Every structure is written in structure tokens, then in C-alpha cells.
Amino acid sequence: QVQVVESGGGLVQAGGSLRLSCAASGRIFSINFMDWYRQAPEKQRELVARITSGGSTNYADSVKGRFTISRDNAKNTVYLQMNNLKPEDTAVYYCYAGGVVSGFTTRDYWGKGTLVTVSS
């Protein structure tokens, strides 16, 4: 059984920083890519950042230069360093592990999310 668990959300003032963590656990052989998504109230879930097993990264235009995604493959963990936070960054942040090889299966997994609230 593979589980994906996020942590690190909270309340921060505009201009502040937070670091989110996401750990995938279970009998995992490899994970192809790991993403951070976010969903604000009454808005669609959107991709914030992606990092592949090789370390390639992609970011949404809205967070480029402010957010940094990183990964520890040995720990099956991904991080999102968020700097210069803005009120519009307020959302539930979800971790998505793509191409998880566990035993004889390969599938994707979502975490349950962690809330980030940025006050003005």
C-alpha cells in the first residue's frame, strides 16, 4: 500500500515563506515524477510545479522565481519552498506522485492536501 502525505502548510503573512514536504511511503521501487498542485476556493486545481526523477523541473508562470521544487529520491520525498508569498497563493496544496512502481504495478497517487493561507 502506497501512501502520499503532505505537511508544512499553515498561515503566513504576505511576503513570508513556507516549506511544504510530501513523502511517499510503502513498497516503492521508483517514482517517475512528483508534482505540487493547488486548488483555491471555487477554482480548478492547477499544476504549480513538477520535478522528474532526473531532476528536471517545470513551474507555473504565476510562481516562477518565487517557488522552488526539490526532491530526495532516496526518501521518496518532494519539497516546495515558497517565498514572497501572496494572498493569491492561498489554496490547498496537493502532492501527486506519478508513475509509482510498486511490486508489479505502476500507478499514480494523490495526497490529501495541506492548507496554505496567506494574509494581506
Protein backbone atom coordinates (compact mmCIF):
# COMPACT_ATOMS: atom_id res chain seq x y z
CA GLN A 1 0.00 0.00 0.00
CA VAL A 2 1.49 3.33 -1.12
CA GLN A 3 0.63 6.49 0.78
CA VAL A 4 1.38 10.11 -0.08
CA VAL A 5 1.31 12.58 2.80
CA GLU A 6 1.85 16.34 2.69
CA SER A 7 2.93 18.57 5.56
CA GLY A 8 4.09 22.10 6.23
CA GLY A 9 1.03 24.18 5.44
CA GLY A 10 -0.14 26.99 7.66
CA LEU A 11 -0.90 30.68 8.00
CA VAL A 12 1.69 33.21 6.86
CA GLN A 13 1.70 36.92 6.13
CA ALA A 14 2.19 38.22 2.61
CA GLY A 15 5.88 38.32 1.77
CA GLY A 16 6.62 35.40 4.05
CA SER A 17 7.84 31.89 3.32
CA LEU A 18 6.72 28.32 3.86
CA ARG A 19 8.22 24.96 3.02
CA LEU A 20 5.93 22.10 2.10
CA SER A 21 7.01 18.48 2.24
CA CYS A 22 5.48 15.41 0.66
CA ALA A 23 6.56 11.88 1.49
CA ALA A 24 5.55 8.77 -0.41
CA SER A 25 5.76 5.59 1.64
CA GLY A 26 5.23 1.88 1.08
CA ARG A 27 6.87 -0.69 -1.12
CA ILE A 28 8.12 1.74 -3.75
CA PHE A 29 10.71 0.82 -6.33
CA SER A 30 10.69 4.15 -8.17
CA ILE A 31 8.66 7.28 -8.83
CA ASN A 32 8.77 8.89 -12.27
CA PHE A 33 7.73 12.42 -11.34
CA MET A 34 6.29 14.32 -8.40
CA ASP A 35 4.06 17.36 -8.67
CA TRP A 36 2.60 20.03 -6.48
CA TYR A 37 -0.92 21.14 -7.38
CA ARG A 38 -3.09 23.69 -5.65
CA GLN A 39 -6.78 24.43 -5.53
CA ALA A 40 -8.18 27.73 -4.31
CA PRO A 41 -11.82 28.11 -3.28
CA GLU A 42 -14.17 27.93 -6.26
CA LYS A 43 -11.27 27.43 -8.67
CA GLN A 44 -9.96 24.45 -10.58
CA ARG A 45 -6.97 22.51 -9.37
CA GLU A 46 -3.83 23.74 -11.11
CA LEU A 47 -0.31 22.42 -11.52
CA VAL A 48 2.19 24.50 -9.56
CA ALA A 49 5.46 22.64 -10.11
CA ARG A 50 6.84 19.32 -11.31
CA ILE A 51 10.12 17.53 -10.78
CA THR A 52 11.16 14.36 -12.58
CA SER A 53 13.31 11.57 -11.21
CA GLY A 54 16.19 13.08 -13.15
CA GLY A 55 15.73 16.46 -11.54
CA SER A 56 14.10 18.38 -14.38
CA THR A 57 11.66 20.99 -13.17
CA ASN A 58 8.72 22.98 -14.50
CA TYR A 59 6.76 25.78 -12.87
CA ALA A 60 3.53 27.61 -13.40
CA ASP A 61 4.17 31.14 -14.61
CA SER A 62 2.47 32.53 -11.51
CA VAL A 63 5.11 31.05 -9.18
CA LYS A 64 8.30 31.26 -11.26
CA GLY A 65 11.07 32.98 -9.34
CA ARG A 66 9.25 32.55 -6.01
CA PHE A 67 8.76 28.80 -5.58
CA THR A 68 11.38 26.08 -5.79
CA ILE A 69 10.65 22.36 -6.06
CA SER A 70 13.24 19.83 -4.97
CA ARG A 71 13.35 16.12 -4.41
CA ASP A 72 15.12 13.48 -2.36
CA ASN A 73 14.81 10.29 -4.40
CA ALA A 74 16.26 8.13 -1.65
CA LYS A 75 13.48 9.25 0.70
CA ASN A 76 10.74 9.45 -1.97
CA THR A 77 10.14 12.97 -0.76
CA VAL A 78 9.47 16.21 -2.60
CA TYR A 79 9.64 19.73 -1.21
CA LEU A 80 8.19 23.06 -2.24
CA GLN A 81 9.96 26.13 -0.94
CA MET A 82 7.59 29.06 -1.27
CA ASN A 83 9.00 32.56 -0.89
CA ASN A 84 7.45 36.01 -1.23
CA LEU A 85 4.02 34.54 -0.73
CA LYS A 86 0.99 36.47 -1.93
CA PRO A 87 -2.66 36.29 -0.85
CA GLU A 88 -3.48 34.70 -4.21
CA ASP A 89 -1.28 31.74 -3.26
CA THR A 90 -3.89 30.78 -0.68
CA ALA A 91 -5.07 27.28 -1.53
CA VAL A 92 -5.00 23.65 -0.57
CA TYR A 93 -1.74 22.25 -1.91
CA TYR A 94 -1.74 18.66 -3.11
CA CYS A 95 1.12 16.32 -3.85
CA TYR A 96 0.87 13.99 -6.83
CA ALA A 97 3.24 11.08 -7.34
CA GLY A 98 3.25 9.91 -10.94
CA GLY A 99 4.44 6.61 -12.32
CA VAL A 100 4.93 4.93 -8.97
CA VAL A 101 6.35 1.44 -9.45
CA SER A 102 5.35 -0.81 -6.57
CA GLY A 103 5.65 -4.55 -6.97
CA PHE A 104 4.22 -5.42 -10.39
CA THR A 105 2.08 -2.31 -10.72
CA THR A 106 2.62 1.26 -11.88
CA ARG A 107 0.09 3.91 -10.92
CA ASP A 108 -0.34 7.45 -9.70
CA TYR A 109 -1.21 8.65 -6.20
CA TRP A 110 -2.64 11.84 -4.70
CA GLY A 111 -2.08 13.14 -1.22
CA LYS A 112 -4.95 14.59 0.82
CA GLY A 113 -3.59 18.13 0.74
CA THR A 114 -2.29 20.77 3.12
CA LEU A 115 -3.80 24.23 3.52
CA VAL A 116 -1.74 27.34 2.90
CA THR A 117 -3.28 30.65 3.89
CA VAL A 118 -1.55 33.93 3.08
CA SER A 119 -2.89 37.00 4.83
CA SER A 120 -2.55 40.50 3.40
